[in-house]
Structures are given as structure tokens and as C-alpha cells.
Amino acid sequence: MQKAALLITTLISFLSAASQLQSDSILIDSHYRKFHFYKPPPASKGAALVFILHGSGGNGKQMVGDAVSLQNISSAEHILLVYPDGYKNFWNECRKEAASAANLENINENKFFHAMIGYFKTNGHINPKHVFAAGLSGGGHMAYKLALTMPGEFQAITAIVANLPDSNNMDCIESNRPVSVMIINGTNDPVNPYNGGQIRSTAAYLGMVRSTDQTFKYWATLAGYNGEPEIEHLEDNDTKDGESIIRFSYKKKRGPEVVLLEVIGGKHGYPKDIDAYKEAWVFFKRHLRK
């Protein structure tokens, strides 16, 4: 009886330790860049690596609760979720006019993400051909940067409530290589204007962005699509929440996929009728390479 009790106690302690959020850092150009993750189980070799990116002024740990539904299925779905911290709570993404320290100091984000991929290839045994990013707001802008400048390392990205910078506000050298992209934007967003214009953020001045339609067409054109996208009205799970979703999509066999989820009535946040991170994973799964 005592042996059984000891075994149960040991098992509980092991599971508790395994489920604790881990943190580590990598030295990038004299700055220790921090990231957070749950220790993957021993059987996770070859898992997909998914970065969850916080918005302007936030941090990685804040995103753990946002993506908890995806974290809960990460073992079953063979995913390693990583929550990195921006530099002083911001990303150096592609907005030239951004007044954040990350932009003003020209922090090397590409080197940081390349180093994290190497870290988890060695320590987490991820499949380097299955690397994705999903970001909210400023994190969505960082996801765009990864697609624009590191298309060889990222198979697909999801940007939530984010539009590409206006051409006069673009601060990235674009690779002009097609990437699979999903955009989730609200038509009534007071911060990231659906129809383009100035970002209205209290965190920092961030300049002008393109419209959602222009952002969608940018990625579609890059992928070689023309004509009209497929249109699907998603089920309205709550007719009283003031939101509904239309999916616009371009896809072809063995080619990049470009999707827009237009959240009619949506504000600057997650849509109410879907789980944004589970939706992102469904999108990413279609791009897993054999």
C-alpha cells in the first residue's frame, strides 16, 4: 500500500514538473532574448514548432493563456508551442515609423528566430521543415516579417488583427517569395483599421498600414493567384454577439494557400465564433511536409 502511494506521489510530481512553463534565453547581439515553453514529452521528436507572438507592449507569458486550448492538445497534435518575448515588449517588425526601442535600435529579430529554431532542433527535436508562427496585433506584424524575410524557414503564418505596413512605412527587404498566409481581421477594428490608415495605439506611434484587402491581395498575387477567391460563410455560433465570419481563400495543390477570415463586426481582438489558435493550427496542418 505504501509503495502504491509512493508511486502515485512520484507520478504526480513528475507530471507537475513536466507541465511547468520553462524559460530560457539566447544571446543575440549583446542582448539576452527570452522565450517560454512547456517541456516537450520524450515522444515529441519531429514535432511541429509553432511560435505564438504577443502584441505591442506585451510579453510571451501573457500569450500562454490566450493559446491554452492549443496548448492542451499540443501533445496529441505533436506541437511544440513557444512564446518568445519581444525586445522591451515590442518587436522590430516592418513598420519603419514605429517609435519602439526595438525598431529604433534595429534589433535583429531574424537572428533571434533563427537561433530559436536551432535551439529547439537540438533540445526539442522539432522538425525544422514544420515551423510556423501565429501573432496577435504587433505579433501579427512580426509574423508578416517572418514570412517576408524568412520564407525558407517558415512554412506558413497567421496574422490576427494586423495589416501589412503601407508602402511608405515598409522597413523590410521583401524576399518576394510566396508563403502560405492566413489573416484574421475585424471590420470594426479601432486600432488596426480594416480599410487601412494610421494605427491607433496608445503603446507607441506605429505609422500607416494597408487595407485588409490590399494585404490579402499582396500575398495572393505573390503566390500567383488571380481572379476571385473561394467564398464561404462560416457558421454563426452566436447570433447575438454581433459578429459573423466570411472566409476568402486561394489554394492549389502543392502550392501556397492564402486565406482571409473577415470578421464582420469584429474589433481589435480574437473573434468570438472561432478559436483563432485552433483555426491557425488547422491551417498549418495542411502545410506539413512529408
C-alpha atoms as a PDB file:
ATOM      1  CA  MET A   1       0.000   0.000   0.000  1.00  0.00           C
ATOM      2  CA  GLN A   2       2.827   2.379   0.905  1.00  0.00           C
ATOM      3  CA  LYS A   3       4.624   1.516  -2.346  1.00  0.00           C
ATOM      4  CA  ALA A   4       1.485   2.307  -4.339  1.00  0.00           C
ATOM      5  CA  ALA A   5       1.061   5.648  -2.555  1.00  0.00           C
ATOM      6  CA  LEU A   6       4.723   6.476  -3.182  1.00  0.00           C
ATOM      7  CA  LEU A   7       4.333   5.594  -6.862  1.00  0.00           C
ATOM      8  CA  ILE A   8       1.277   7.853  -7.207  1.00  0.00           C
ATOM      9  CA  THR A   9       3.086  10.709  -5.445  1.00  0.00           C
ATOM     10  CA  THR A  10       6.110  10.296  -7.703  1.00  0.00           C
ATOM     11  CA  LEU A  11       3.920  10.227 -10.812  1.00  0.00           C
ATOM     12  CA  ILE A  12       2.060  13.383  -9.757  1.00  0.00           C
ATOM     13  CA  SER A  13       5.366  15.155  -9.084  1.00  0.00           C
ATOM     14  CA  PHE A  14       6.695  14.092 -12.496  1.00  0.00           C
ATOM     15  CA  LEU A  15       3.596  15.291 -14.329  1.00  0.00           C
ATOM     16  CA  SER A  16       3.610  18.576 -12.421  1.00  0.00           C
ATOM     17  CA  ALA A  17       7.266  19.216 -13.281  1.00  0.00           C
ATOM     18  CA  ALA A  18       6.687  18.283 -16.917  1.00  0.00           C
ATOM     19  CA  SER A  19       3.796  20.710 -17.183  1.00  0.00           C
ATOM     20  CA  GLN A  20       5.625  23.711 -15.725  1.00  0.00           C
ATOM     21  CA  LEU A  21       6.383  26.602 -18.026  1.00  0.00           C
ATOM     22  CA  GLN A  22      10.097  26.679 -18.846  1.00  0.00           C
ATOM     23  CA  SER A  23      12.059  29.815 -19.744  1.00  0.00           C
ATOM     24  CA  ASP A  24      15.409  30.248 -21.441  1.00  0.00           C
ATOM     25  CA  SER A  25      17.306  32.922 -23.312  1.00  0.00           C
ATOM     26  CA  ILE A  26      19.741  33.286 -26.192  1.00  0.00           C
ATOM     27  CA  LEU A  27      22.419  35.961 -26.510  1.00  0.00           C
ATOM     28  CA  ILE A  28      21.740  37.938 -29.671  1.00  0.00           C
ATOM     29  CA  ASP A  29      23.999  40.908 -30.431  1.00  0.00           C
ATOM     30  CA  SER A  30      24.700  41.625 -26.730  1.00  0.00           C
ATOM     31  CA  HIS A  31      21.026  41.206 -25.716  1.00  0.00           C
ATOM     32  CA  TYR A  32      19.685  38.145 -23.909  1.00  0.00           C
ATOM     33  CA  ARG A  33      16.436  37.340 -25.720  1.00  0.00           C
ATOM     34  CA  LYS A  34      13.979  35.326 -23.656  1.00  0.00           C
ATOM     35  CA  PHE A  35      11.359  32.736 -24.639  1.00  0.00           C
ATOM     36  CA  HIS A  36       8.980  30.396 -22.816  1.00  0.00           C
ATOM     37  CA  PHE A  37       7.694  26.884 -23.467  1.00  0.00           C
ATOM     38  CA  TYR A  38       6.431  23.735 -21.824  1.00  0.00           C
ATOM     39  CA  LYS A  39       8.972  20.933 -21.744  1.00  0.00           C
ATOM     40  CA  PRO A  40       8.013  18.560 -24.553  1.00  0.00           C
ATOM     41  CA  PRO A  41       7.377  14.900 -23.716  1.00  0.00           C
ATOM     42  CA  PRO A  42      10.089  12.374 -24.695  1.00  0.00           C
ATOM     43  CA  ALA A  43       7.965  11.136 -27.589  1.00  0.00           C
ATOM     44  CA  SER A  44       7.786  14.583 -29.222  1.00  0.00           C
ATOM     45  CA  LYS A  45      10.672  14.038 -31.659  1.00  0.00           C
ATOM     46  CA  GLY A  46       9.796  15.546 -35.017  1.00  0.00           C
ATOM     47  CA  ALA A  47       7.093  17.853 -33.610  1.00  0.00           C
ATOM     48  CA  ALA A  48       5.942  20.986 -35.390  1.00  0.00           C
ATOM     49  CA  LEU A  49       7.291  24.220 -33.908  1.00  0.00           C
ATOM     50  CA  VAL A  50       4.688  26.983 -33.521  1.00  0.00           C
ATOM     51  CA  PHE A  51       5.652  30.438 -32.258  1.00  0.00           C
ATOM     52  CA  ILE A  52       2.855  32.382 -30.527  1.00  0.00           C
ATOM     53  CA  LEU A  53       3.673  36.093 -30.760  1.00  0.00           C
ATOM     54  CA  HIS A  54       2.407  38.776 -28.376  1.00  0.00           C
ATOM     55  CA  GLY A  55       1.171  42.223 -29.355  1.00  0.00           C
ATOM     56  CA  SER A  56       2.924  45.574 -28.916  1.00  0.00           C
ATOM     57  CA  GLY A  57       3.609  46.256 -25.244  1.00  0.00           C
ATOM     58  CA  GLY A  58       3.034  42.640 -24.200  1.00  0.00           C
ATOM     59  CA  ASN A  59       5.184  39.616 -23.408  1.00  0.00           C
ATOM     60  CA  GLY A  60       5.338  35.921 -24.154  1.00  0.00           C
ATOM     61  CA  LYS A  61       3.907  34.658 -20.878  1.00  0.00           C
ATOM     62  CA  GLN A  62       0.720  36.663 -21.448  1.00  0.00           C
ATOM     63  CA  MET A  63       0.071  34.584 -24.554  1.00  0.00           C
ATOM     64  CA  VAL A  64       0.090  31.251 -22.724  1.00  0.00           C
ATOM     65  CA  GLY A  65      -3.470  31.823 -21.506  1.00  0.00           C
ATOM     66  CA  ASP A  66      -4.592  33.042 -24.930  1.00  0.00           C
ATOM     67  CA  ALA A  67      -3.420  29.850 -26.613  1.00  0.00           C
ATOM     68  CA  VAL A  68      -4.329  27.453 -23.789  1.00  0.00           C
ATOM     69  CA  SER A  69      -6.778  25.484 -25.963  1.00  0.00           C
ATOM     70  CA  LEU A  70      -3.973  24.757 -28.426  1.00  0.00           C
ATOM     71  CA  GLN A  71      -1.520  24.038 -25.620  1.00  0.00           C
ATOM     72  CA  ASN A  72      -3.992  21.475 -24.240  1.00  0.00           C
ATOM     73  CA  ILE A  73      -3.896  19.472 -27.471  1.00  0.00           C
ATOM     74  CA  SER A  74      -0.205  20.022 -28.200  1.00  0.00           C
ATOM     75  CA  SER A  75       0.870  16.501 -27.173  1.00  0.00           C
ATOM     76  CA  ALA A  76      -1.859  14.801 -29.169  1.00  0.00           C
ATOM     77  CA  GLU A  77      -1.213  17.019 -32.189  1.00  0.00           C
ATOM     78  CA  HIS A  78       2.572  16.766 -31.902  1.00  0.00           C
ATOM     79  CA  ILE A  79       3.187  20.515 -31.478  1.00  0.00           C
ATOM     80  CA  LEU A  80       5.801  22.421 -29.522  1.00  0.00           C
ATOM     81  CA  LEU A  81       4.453  25.884 -28.695  1.00  0.00           C
ATOM     82  CA  VAL A  82       6.950  28.643 -27.952  1.00  0.00           C
ATOM     83  CA  TYR A  83       6.110  32.076 -26.522  1.00  0.00           C
ATOM     84  CA  PRO A  84       9.017  34.480 -27.159  1.00  0.00           C
ATOM     85  CA  ASP A  85       9.407  37.947 -25.657  1.00  0.00           C
ATOM     86  CA  GLY A  86       9.855  40.982 -27.858  1.00  0.00           C
ATOM     87  CA  TYR A  87      12.668  43.415 -27.080  1.00  0.00           C
ATOM     88  CA  LYS A  88      11.431  45.683 -24.280  1.00  0.00           C
ATOM     89  CA  ASN A  89       7.907  44.356 -25.006  1.00  0.00           C
ATOM     90  CA  PHE A  90       7.966  45.230 -28.731  1.00  0.00           C
ATOM     91  CA  TRP A  91       9.049  43.583 -31.970  1.00  0.00           C
ATOM     92  CA  ASN A  92      11.263  45.121 -34.604  1.00  0.00           C
ATOM     93  CA  GLU A  93       8.857  44.229 -37.389  1.00  0.00           C
ATOM     94  CA  CYS A  94       8.442  46.010 -40.717  1.00  0.00           C
ATOM     95  CA  ARG A  95       6.930  49.328 -39.596  1.00  0.00           C
ATOM     96  CA  LYS A  96       9.592  51.932 -40.376  1.00  0.00           C
ATOM     97  CA  GLU A  97       7.917  54.680 -38.373  1.00  0.00           C
ATOM     98  CA  ALA A  98       7.474  52.620 -35.204  1.00  0.00           C
ATOM     99  CA  ALA A  99       8.680  54.577 -32.162  1.00  0.00           C
ATOM    100  CA  SER A 100       9.521  51.453 -30.115  1.00  0.00           C
ATOM    101  CA  ALA A 101      13.036  50.740 -28.838  1.00  0.00           C
ATOM    102  CA  ALA A 102      13.081  47.506 -30.851  1.00  0.00           C
ATOM    103  CA  ASN A 103      12.746  49.480 -34.075  1.00  0.00           C
ATOM    104  CA  LEU A 104      14.873  52.466 -33.073  1.00  0.00           C
ATOM    105  CA  GLU A 105      17.732  50.158 -32.039  1.00  0.00           C
ATOM    106  CA  ASN A 106      17.191  47.949 -35.104  1.00  0.00           C
ATOM    107  CA  ILE A 107      17.025  44.737 -33.070  1.00  0.00           C
ATOM    108  CA  ASN A 108      17.874  41.676 -35.162  1.00  0.00           C
ATOM    109  CA  GLU A 109      14.702  39.580 -34.945  1.00  0.00           C
ATOM    110  CA  ASN A 110      15.693  37.272 -37.798  1.00  0.00           C
ATOM    111  CA  LYS A 111      18.784  36.172 -35.910  1.00  0.00           C
ATOM    112  CA  PHE A 112      16.660  35.593 -32.783  1.00  0.00           C
ATOM    113  CA  PHE A 113      14.120  33.382 -34.546  1.00  0.00           C
ATOM    114  CA  HIS A 114      16.806  31.522 -36.475  1.00  0.00           C
ATOM    115  CA  ALA A 115      18.587  30.835 -33.174  1.00  0.00           C
ATOM    116  CA  MET A 116      15.367  29.624 -31.503  1.00  0.00           C
ATOM    117  CA  ILE A 117      14.697  27.222 -34.369  1.00  0.00           C
ATOM    118  CA  GLY A 118      18.221  25.857 -33.917  1.00  0.00           C
ATOM    119  CA  TYR A 119      17.715  25.636 -30.144  1.00  0.00           C
ATOM    120  CA  PHE A 120      14.565  23.552 -30.468  1.00  0.00           C
ATOM    121  CA  LYS A 121      16.003  21.463 -33.260  1.00  0.00           C
ATOM    122  CA  THR A 122      18.726  20.446 -30.805  1.00  0.00           C
ATOM    123  CA  ASN A 123      16.814  20.449 -27.490  1.00  0.00           C
ATOM    124  CA  GLY A 124      13.222  19.875 -28.532  1.00  0.00           C
ATOM    125  CA  HIS A 125      13.899  17.642 -31.523  1.00  0.00           C
ATOM    126  CA  ILE A 126      11.426  19.516 -33.700  1.00  0.00           C
ATOM    127  CA  ASN A 127      11.106  19.012 -37.439  1.00  0.00           C
ATOM    128  CA  PRO A 128      12.762  22.107 -38.991  1.00  0.00           C
ATOM    129  CA  LYS A 129      10.501  21.707 -42.048  1.00  0.00           C
ATOM    130  CA  HIS A 130       7.444  22.265 -39.835  1.00  0.00           C
ATOM    131  CA  VAL A 131       7.922  25.776 -38.427  1.00  0.00           C
ATOM    132  CA  PHE A 132       5.020  28.229 -38.127  1.00  0.00           C
ATOM    133  CA  ALA A 133       4.088  31.495 -36.410  1.00  0.00           C
ATOM    134  CA  ALA A 134       0.799  32.997 -35.234  1.00  0.00           C
ATOM    135  CA  GLY A 135       0.700  36.516 -33.854  1.00  0.00           C
ATOM    136  CA  LEU A 136      -1.782  38.985 -32.422  1.00  0.00           C
ATOM    137  CA  SER A 137      -1.670  42.668 -33.436  1.00  0.00           C
ATOM    138  CA  GLY A 138       2.032  43.648 -33.252  1.00  0.00           C
ATOM    139  CA  GLY A 139       2.736  39.925 -33.121  1.00  0.00           C
ATOM    140  CA  GLY A 140       0.824  39.628 -36.382  1.00  0.00           C
ATOM    141  CA  HIS A 141       3.165  42.234 -37.846  1.00  0.00           C
ATOM    142  CA  MET A 142       6.106  40.171 -36.627  1.00  0.00           C
ATOM    143  CA  ALA A 143       4.582  37.108 -38.285  1.00  0.00           C
ATOM    144  CA  TYR A 144       4.359  39.077 -41.539  1.00  0.00           C
ATOM    145  CA  LYS A 145       8.053  39.946 -41.199  1.00  0.00           C
ATOM    146  CA  LEU A 146       8.958  36.284 -40.795  1.00  0.00           C
ATOM    147  CA  ALA A 147       7.019  35.454 -43.962  1.00  0.00           C
ATOM    148  CA  LEU A 148       8.526  38.399 -45.855  1.00  0.00           C
ATOM    149  CA  THR A 149      12.137  37.853 -44.837  1.00  0.00           C
ATOM    150  CA  MET A 150      12.494  34.194 -43.732  1.00  0.00           C
ATOM    151  CA  PRO A 151      10.284  32.227 -46.155  1.00  0.00           C
ATOM    152  CA  GLY A 152      12.803  29.390 -46.244  1.00  0.00           C
ATOM    153  CA  GLU A 153      12.340  28.716 -42.526  1.00  0.00           C
ATOM    154  CA  PHE A 154       8.608  29.367 -42.056  1.00  0.00           C
ATOM    155  CA  GLN A 155       6.092  27.222 -43.904  1.00  0.00           C
ATOM    156  CA  ALA A 156       3.039  29.342 -43.003  1.00  0.00           C
ATOM    157  CA  ILE A 157       1.964  32.173 -40.714  1.00  0.00           C
ATOM    158  CA  THR A 158      -1.257  33.521 -39.232  1.00  0.00           C
ATOM    159  CA  ALA A 159      -1.700  37.239 -38.536  1.00  0.00           C
ATOM    160  CA  ILE A 160      -4.564  38.265 -36.232  1.00  0.00           C
ATOM    161  CA  VAL A 161      -5.828  41.888 -36.338  1.00  0.00           C
ATOM    162  CA  ALA A 162      -2.857  43.090 -38.382  1.00  0.00           C
ATOM    163  CA  ASN A 163      -2.399  44.597 -41.865  1.00  0.00           C
ATOM    164  CA  LEU A 164       0.851  44.994 -43.777  1.00  0.00           C
ATOM    165  CA  PRO A 165       2.547  48.385 -43.391  1.00  0.00           C
ATOM    166  CA  ASP A 166       1.786  50.984 -46.033  1.00  0.00           C
ATOM    167  CA  SER A 167       4.469  51.072 -48.749  1.00  0.00           C
ATOM    168  CA  ASN A 168       5.870  54.314 -47.246  1.00  0.00           C
ATOM    169  CA  ASN A 169       6.028  52.621 -43.833  1.00  0.00           C
ATOM    170  CA  MET A 170       7.631  49.362 -45.038  1.00  0.00           C
ATOM    171  CA  ASP A 171      11.024  48.765 -43.453  1.00  0.00           C
ATOM    172  CA  CYS A 172      11.770  45.214 -44.603  1.00  0.00           C
ATOM    173  CA  ILE A 173      13.589  43.928 -47.663  1.00  0.00           C
ATOM    174  CA  GLU A 174      10.916  41.699 -49.177  1.00  0.00           C
ATOM    175  CA  SER A 175      12.016  38.299 -50.417  1.00  0.00           C
ATOM    176  CA  ASN A 176       9.164  38.229 -52.976  1.00  0.00           C
ATOM    177  CA  ARG A 177       8.792  34.508 -52.321  1.00  0.00           C
ATOM    178  CA  PRO A 178       5.271  33.120 -51.837  1.00  0.00           C
ATOM    179  CA  VAL A 179       4.291  31.896 -48.374  1.00  0.00           C
ATOM    180  CA  SER A 180       1.052  30.446 -47.022  1.00  0.00           C
ATOM    181  CA  VAL A 181      -0.686  33.169 -45.015  1.00  0.00           C
ATOM    182  CA  MET A 182      -3.929  33.360 -43.056  1.00  0.00           C
ATOM    183  CA  ILE A 183      -5.280  36.750 -41.950  1.00  0.00           C
ATOM    184  CA  ILE A 184      -7.988  37.181 -39.281  1.00  0.00           C
ATOM    185  CA  ASN A 185      -9.224  40.794 -39.177  1.00  0.00           C
ATOM    186  CA  GLY A 186     -12.277  42.559 -37.770  1.00  0.00           C
ATOM    187  CA  THR A 187     -14.175  45.078 -39.870  1.00  0.00           C
ATOM    188  CA  ASN A 188     -14.795  47.362 -36.840  1.00  0.00           C
ATOM    189  CA  ASP A 189     -11.234  47.302 -35.509  1.00  0.00           C
ATOM    190  CA  PRO A 190     -10.467  50.724 -33.948  1.00  0.00           C
ATOM    191  CA  VAL A 191      -6.704  50.055 -33.705  1.00  0.00           C
ATOM    192  CA  ASN A 192      -5.784  48.226 -36.914  1.00  0.00           C
ATOM    193  CA  PRO A 193      -8.148  49.894 -39.415  1.00  0.00           C
ATOM    194  CA  TYR A 194      -9.712  47.298 -41.698  1.00  0.00           C
ATOM    195  CA  ASN A 195      -9.676  49.739 -44.615  1.00  0.00           C
ATOM    196  CA  GLY A 196      -6.149  50.950 -43.928  1.00  0.00           C
ATOM    197  CA  GLY A 197      -4.773  54.153 -42.454  1.00  0.00           C
ATOM    198  CA  GLN A 198      -2.998  55.109 -39.247  1.00  0.00           C
ATOM    199  CA  ILE A 199      -2.605  52.563 -36.458  1.00  0.00           C
ATOM    200  CA  ARG A 200      -4.348  53.922 -33.367  1.00  0.00           C
ATOM    201  CA  SER A 201      -2.249  52.597 -30.495  1.00  0.00           C
ATOM    202  CA  THR A 202      -1.540  54.081 -27.087  1.00  0.00           C
ATOM    203  CA  ALA A 203       1.570  51.886 -26.754  1.00  0.00           C
ATOM    204  CA  ALA A 204       3.648  53.728 -29.379  1.00  0.00           C
ATOM    205  CA  TYR A 205       3.368  55.517 -32.706  1.00  0.00           C
ATOM    206  CA  LEU A 206       3.411  52.815 -35.388  1.00  0.00           C
ATOM    207  CA  GLY A 207       2.578  54.593 -38.640  1.00  0.00           C
ATOM    208  CA  MET A 208       0.256  53.685 -41.506  1.00  0.00           C
ATOM    209  CA  VAL A 209      -0.959  50.303 -42.734  1.00  0.00           C
ATOM    210  CA  ARG A 210      -2.548  49.000 -45.918  1.00  0.00           C
ATOM    211  CA  SER A 211      -6.140  47.861 -46.012  1.00  0.00           C
ATOM    212  CA  THR A 212      -7.013  44.261 -45.276  1.00  0.00           C
ATOM    213  CA  ASP A 213      -7.996  43.762 -48.912  1.00  0.00           C
ATOM    214  CA  GLN A 214      -4.618  45.107 -50.093  1.00  0.00           C
ATOM    215  CA  THR A 215      -2.815  42.894 -47.578  1.00  0.00           C
ATOM    216  CA  PHE A 216      -4.751  39.821 -48.724  1.00  0.00           C
ATOM    217  CA  LYS A 217      -4.089  40.622 -52.384  1.00  0.00           C
ATOM    218  CA  TYR A 218      -0.373  41.170 -51.714  1.00  0.00           C
ATOM    219  CA  TRP A 219       0.074  37.586 -50.552  1.00  0.00           C
ATOM    220  CA  ALA A 220      -2.317  36.178 -53.163  1.00  0.00           C
ATOM    221  CA  THR A 221      -0.505  37.936 -56.017  1.00  0.00           C
ATOM    222  CA  LEU A 222       2.858  36.800 -54.681  1.00  0.00           C
ATOM    223  CA  ALA A 223       1.547  33.219 -54.750  1.00  0.00           C
ATOM    224  CA  GLY A 224       0.433  33.624 -58.369  1.00  0.00           C
ATOM    225  CA  TYR A 225      -3.308  33.818 -57.838  1.00  0.00           C
ATOM    226  CA  ASN A 226      -5.658  35.964 -59.877  1.00  0.00           C
ATOM    227  CA  GLY A 227      -9.388  36.066 -60.268  1.00  0.00           C
ATOM    228  CA  GLU A 228     -11.841  35.794 -57.409  1.00  0.00           C
ATOM    229  CA  PRO A 229     -11.190  33.752 -54.243  1.00  0.00           C
ATOM    230  CA  GLU A 230     -13.442  30.999 -52.961  1.00  0.00           C
ATOM    231  CA  ILE A 231     -16.019  32.374 -50.509  1.00  0.00           C
ATOM    232  CA  GLU A 232     -17.514  30.538 -47.536  1.00  0.00           C
ATOM    233  CA  HIS A 233     -19.800  31.892 -44.840  1.00  0.00           C
ATOM    234  CA  LEU A 234     -18.822  30.208 -41.574  1.00  0.00           C
ATOM    235  CA  GLU A 235     -21.446  29.031 -39.144  1.00  0.00           C
ATOM    236  CA  ASP A 236     -22.552  31.824 -36.820  1.00  0.00           C
ATOM    237  CA  ASN A 237     -22.323  30.071 -33.457  1.00  0.00           C
ATOM    238  CA  ASP A 238     -23.721  33.047 -31.543  1.00  0.00           C
ATOM    239  CA  THR A 239     -26.175  35.230 -33.450  1.00  0.00           C
ATOM    240  CA  LYS A 240     -26.285  37.705 -30.558  1.00  0.00           C
ATOM    241  CA  ASP A 241     -22.585  38.579 -30.395  1.00  0.00           C
ATOM    242  CA  GLY A 242     -22.719  40.993 -33.329  1.00  0.00           C
ATOM    243  CA  GLU A 243     -20.111  39.070 -35.326  1.00  0.00           C
ATOM    244  CA  SER A 244     -20.076  36.740 -38.294  1.00  0.00           C
ATOM    245  CA  ILE A 245     -17.206  35.401 -40.387  1.00  0.00           C
ATOM    246  CA  ILE A 246     -16.636  35.056 -44.111  1.00  0.00           C
ATOM    247  CA  ARG A 247     -13.681  33.007 -45.371  1.00  0.00           C
ATOM    248  CA  PHE A 248     -11.977  34.077 -48.605  1.00  0.00           C
ATOM    249  CA  SER A 249      -9.377  31.617 -49.846  1.00  0.00           C
ATOM    250  CA  TYR A 250      -6.967  30.888 -52.654  1.00  0.00           C
ATOM    251  CA  LYS A 251      -5.414  27.437 -52.787  1.00  0.00           C
ATOM    252  CA  LYS A 252      -3.958  24.967 -55.223  1.00  0.00           C
ATOM    253  CA  LYS A 253      -2.437  21.534 -54.974  1.00  0.00           C
ATOM    254  CA  ARG A 254       1.156  21.647 -53.686  1.00  0.00           C
ATOM    255  CA  GLY A 255       1.053  25.445 -53.690  1.00  0.00           C
ATOM    256  CA  PRO A 256       0.839  28.151 -51.063  1.00  0.00           C
ATOM    257  CA  GLU A 257      -2.570  28.887 -49.574  1.00  0.00           C
ATOM    258  CA  VAL A 258      -3.776  32.421 -48.838  1.00  0.00           C
ATOM    259  CA  VAL A 259      -6.805  32.877 -46.589  1.00  0.00           C
ATOM    260  CA  LEU A 260      -8.687  35.835 -45.135  1.00  0.00           C
ATOM    261  CA  LEU A 261     -11.192  35.411 -42.332  1.00  0.00           C
ATOM    262  CA  GLU A 262     -13.218  38.625 -42.438  1.00  0.00           C
ATOM    263  CA  VAL A 263     -14.819  39.060 -39.034  1.00  0.00           C
ATOM    264  CA  ILE A 264     -17.830  41.264 -39.733  1.00  0.00           C
ATOM    265  CA  GLY A 265     -18.366  43.430 -36.659  1.00  0.00           C
ATOM    266  CA  GLY A 266     -15.072  42.254 -35.156  1.00  0.00           C
ATOM    267  CA  LYS A 267     -12.964  44.577 -33.000  1.00  0.00           C
ATOM    268  CA  HIS A 268      -9.257  44.529 -32.102  1.00  0.00           C
ATOM    269  CA  GLY A 269      -9.092  41.081 -30.554  1.00  0.00           C
ATOM    270  CA  TYR A 270      -9.957  37.449 -31.091  1.00  0.00           C
ATOM    271  CA  PRO A 271     -13.153  36.569 -32.969  1.00  0.00           C
ATOM    272  CA  LYS A 272     -15.915  35.135 -30.817  1.00  0.00           C
ATOM    273  CA  ASP A 273     -17.200  32.411 -33.163  1.00  0.00           C
ATOM    274  CA  ILE A 274     -13.916  30.526 -33.607  1.00  0.00           C
ATOM    275  CA  ASP A 275     -10.818  29.709 -31.594  1.00  0.00           C
ATOM    276  CA  ALA A 276      -8.174  31.664 -33.503  1.00  0.00           C
ATOM    277  CA  TYR A 277      -5.241  29.462 -32.484  1.00  0.00           C
ATOM    278  CA  LYS A 278      -7.005  26.186 -33.212  1.00  0.00           C
ATOM    279  CA  GLU A 279      -8.037  27.669 -36.564  1.00  0.00           C
ATOM    280  CA  ALA A 280      -4.394  28.605 -37.166  1.00  0.00           C
ATOM    281  CA  TRP A 281      -3.284  25.057 -36.391  1.00  0.00           C
ATOM    282  CA  VAL A 282      -5.834  23.563 -38.802  1.00  0.00           C
ATOM    283  CA  PHE A 283      -4.363  25.897 -41.422  1.00  0.00           C
ATOM    284  CA  PHE A 284      -0.783  24.989 -40.509  1.00  0.00           C
ATOM    285  CA  LYS A 285      -1.500  21.250 -40.575  1.00  0.00           C
ATOM    286  CA  ARG A 286      -2.332  21.477 -44.259  1.00  0.00           C
ATOM    287  CA  HIS A 287       1.275  22.552 -44.815  1.00  0.00           C
ATOM    288  CA  LEU A 288       3.079  19.753 -43.006  1.00  0.00           C
ATOM    289  CA  ARG A 289       5.659  18.281 -45.347  1.00  0.00           C
ATOM    290  CA  LYS A 290       6.180  14.542 -45.504  1.00  0.00           C
END
